[in-house]
Protein backbone atom coordinates (compact mmCIF):
# COMPACT_ATOMS: atom_id res chain seq x y z
CA UNK A 1 5.87 15.13 21.26
CA UNK A 2 9.12 14.07 20.05
CA UNK A 3 9.03 16.14 16.82
CA UNK A 4 7.76 19.14 19.13
CA UNK A 5 10.94 18.77 21.15
CA UNK A 6 13.15 19.03 18.02
CA UNK A 7 13.97 15.40 17.65
CA UNK A 8 13.68 13.76 14.06
CA UNK A 9 11.19 11.16 13.72
CA UNK A 10 11.24 8.57 10.83
CA UNK A 11 8.44 6.49 10.43
CA UNK A 12 7.91 3.57 7.45
CA UNK A 13 5.09 1.80 6.71
CA UNK A 14 2.33 0.92 3.83
CA UNK A 15 0.14 3.67 3.19
CA UNK A 16 -2.71 1.37 1.71
CA UNK A 17 -3.71 -2.29 2.69
CA UNK A 18 -4.12 -5.06 0.13
CA UNK A 19 -7.43 -3.85 -1.23
CA UNK A 20 -6.10 -0.35 -2.06
CA UNK A 21 -7.76 1.25 1.09
CA UNK A 22 -5.85 3.89 3.30
CA UNK A 23 -4.16 1.82 6.04
CA UNK A 24 -4.30 2.16 9.77
CA UNK A 25 -2.87 5.58 11.06
CA UNK A 26 -0.69 6.11 7.97
CA UNK A 27 -3.10 8.90 6.24
CA UNK A 28 -2.94 10.90 9.56
CA UNK A 29 0.96 10.60 10.12
CA UNK A 30 1.43 11.54 6.40
CA UNK A 31 -0.90 14.53 6.77
CA UNK A 32 0.94 15.75 9.84
CA UNK A 33 4.54 15.08 8.79
CA UNK A 34 6.70 17.98 7.39
CA UNK A 35 8.32 15.59 4.80
CA UNK A 36 6.99 12.55 3.05
CA UNK A 37 9.10 10.30 0.79
CA UNK A 38 7.17 7.38 -0.82
CA UNK A 39 9.34 4.80 -2.09
CA UNK A 40 7.94 2.06 -4.62
CA UNK A 41 8.86 -1.41 -5.61
CA UNK A 42 8.89 -2.25 -9.30
CA UNK A 43 5.71 -3.86 -10.82
CA UNK A 44 6.26 -7.53 -11.66
CA UNK A 45 3.83 -7.13 -14.36
CA UNK A 46 4.57 -3.93 -16.13
CA UNK A 47 8.12 -3.20 -14.81
CA UNK A 48 6.88 0.24 -13.94
CA UNK A 49 6.55 1.56 -10.11
CA UNK A 50 4.42 -0.24 -8.12
CA UNK A 51 1.94 1.46 -5.83
CA UNK A 52 0.02 -1.40 -4.85
CA UNK A 53 0.63 -4.58 -2.65
CA UNK A 54 -1.68 -7.11 -4.33
CA UNK A 55 -2.49 -10.19 -2.08
CA UNK A 56 -2.09 -13.75 -3.92
CA UNK A 57 -3.05 -15.50 -0.58
CA UNK A 58 -7.03 -15.97 -0.42
CA UNK A 59 -6.92 -14.96 3.38
CA UNK A 60 -8.94 -11.95 3.67
CA UNK A 61 -7.50 -10.81 7.26
CA UNK A 62 -6.39 -7.38 7.22
CA UNK A 63 -3.07 -8.23 8.67
CA UNK A 64 -1.22 -10.98 6.99
CA UNK A 65 2.69 -11.15 7.16
CA UNK A 66 4.09 -12.29 4.36
CA UNK A 67 6.41 -11.82 1.19
CA UNK A 68 6.75 -13.14 -2.29
CA UNK A 69 4.06 -15.97 -1.71
CA UNK A 70 1.49 -13.76 -0.38
CA UNK A 71 1.95 -10.22 -2.09
CA UNK A 72 2.89 -9.01 -5.40
CA UNK A 73 4.00 -5.59 -6.15
CA UNK A 74 1.59 -3.98 -9.00
CA UNK A 75 1.37 -0.82 -10.44
CA UNK A 76 -1.91 1.04 -10.59
CA UNK A 77 -3.02 -0.64 -14.07
CA UNK A 78 -2.09 -4.13 -13.11
CA UNK A 79 -3.60 -3.90 -9.84
CA UNK A 80 -7.03 -2.64 -11.31
CA UNK A 81 -6.98 -5.47 -13.78
CA UNK A 82 -5.73 -8.06 -11.03
CA UNK A 83 -8.72 -6.82 -8.93
CA UNK A 84 -11.24 -7.11 -11.87
CA UNK A 85 -10.13 -10.86 -12.49
CA UNK A 86 -10.70 -11.76 -8.74
CA UNK A 87 -13.97 -9.96 -8.88
CA UNK A 88 -13.15 -7.51 -6.18
CA UNK A 89 -14.05 -3.90 -6.29
CA UNK A 90 -12.23 -1.72 -3.74
CA UNK A 91 -13.65 1.56 -2.89
CA UNK A 92 -10.52 3.26 -4.20
CA UNK A 93 -10.89 1.85 -7.51
CA UNK A 94 -14.82 2.55 -7.84
CA UNK A 95 -15.84 4.85 -10.61
């Protein structure tokens, strides 16, 4: 409604959860937005752009607030490798 009235709306959030699965309402927001700017961290393993938030904490709740002790920014390659080591197979990584 705000955008339809000509008001600029800025939304920030994660587009994927810690499993690499689209997160909450973000896919719908991104699909209806006029502009989408993705900002990435730097992968702590490879030094490349990090597209994933890898959870270090064994807690499997979908929502877990945290920083460096709970999450690690990883590139796709580093994320896939970490998920294999953890014996996890998220839907986004299935072949």
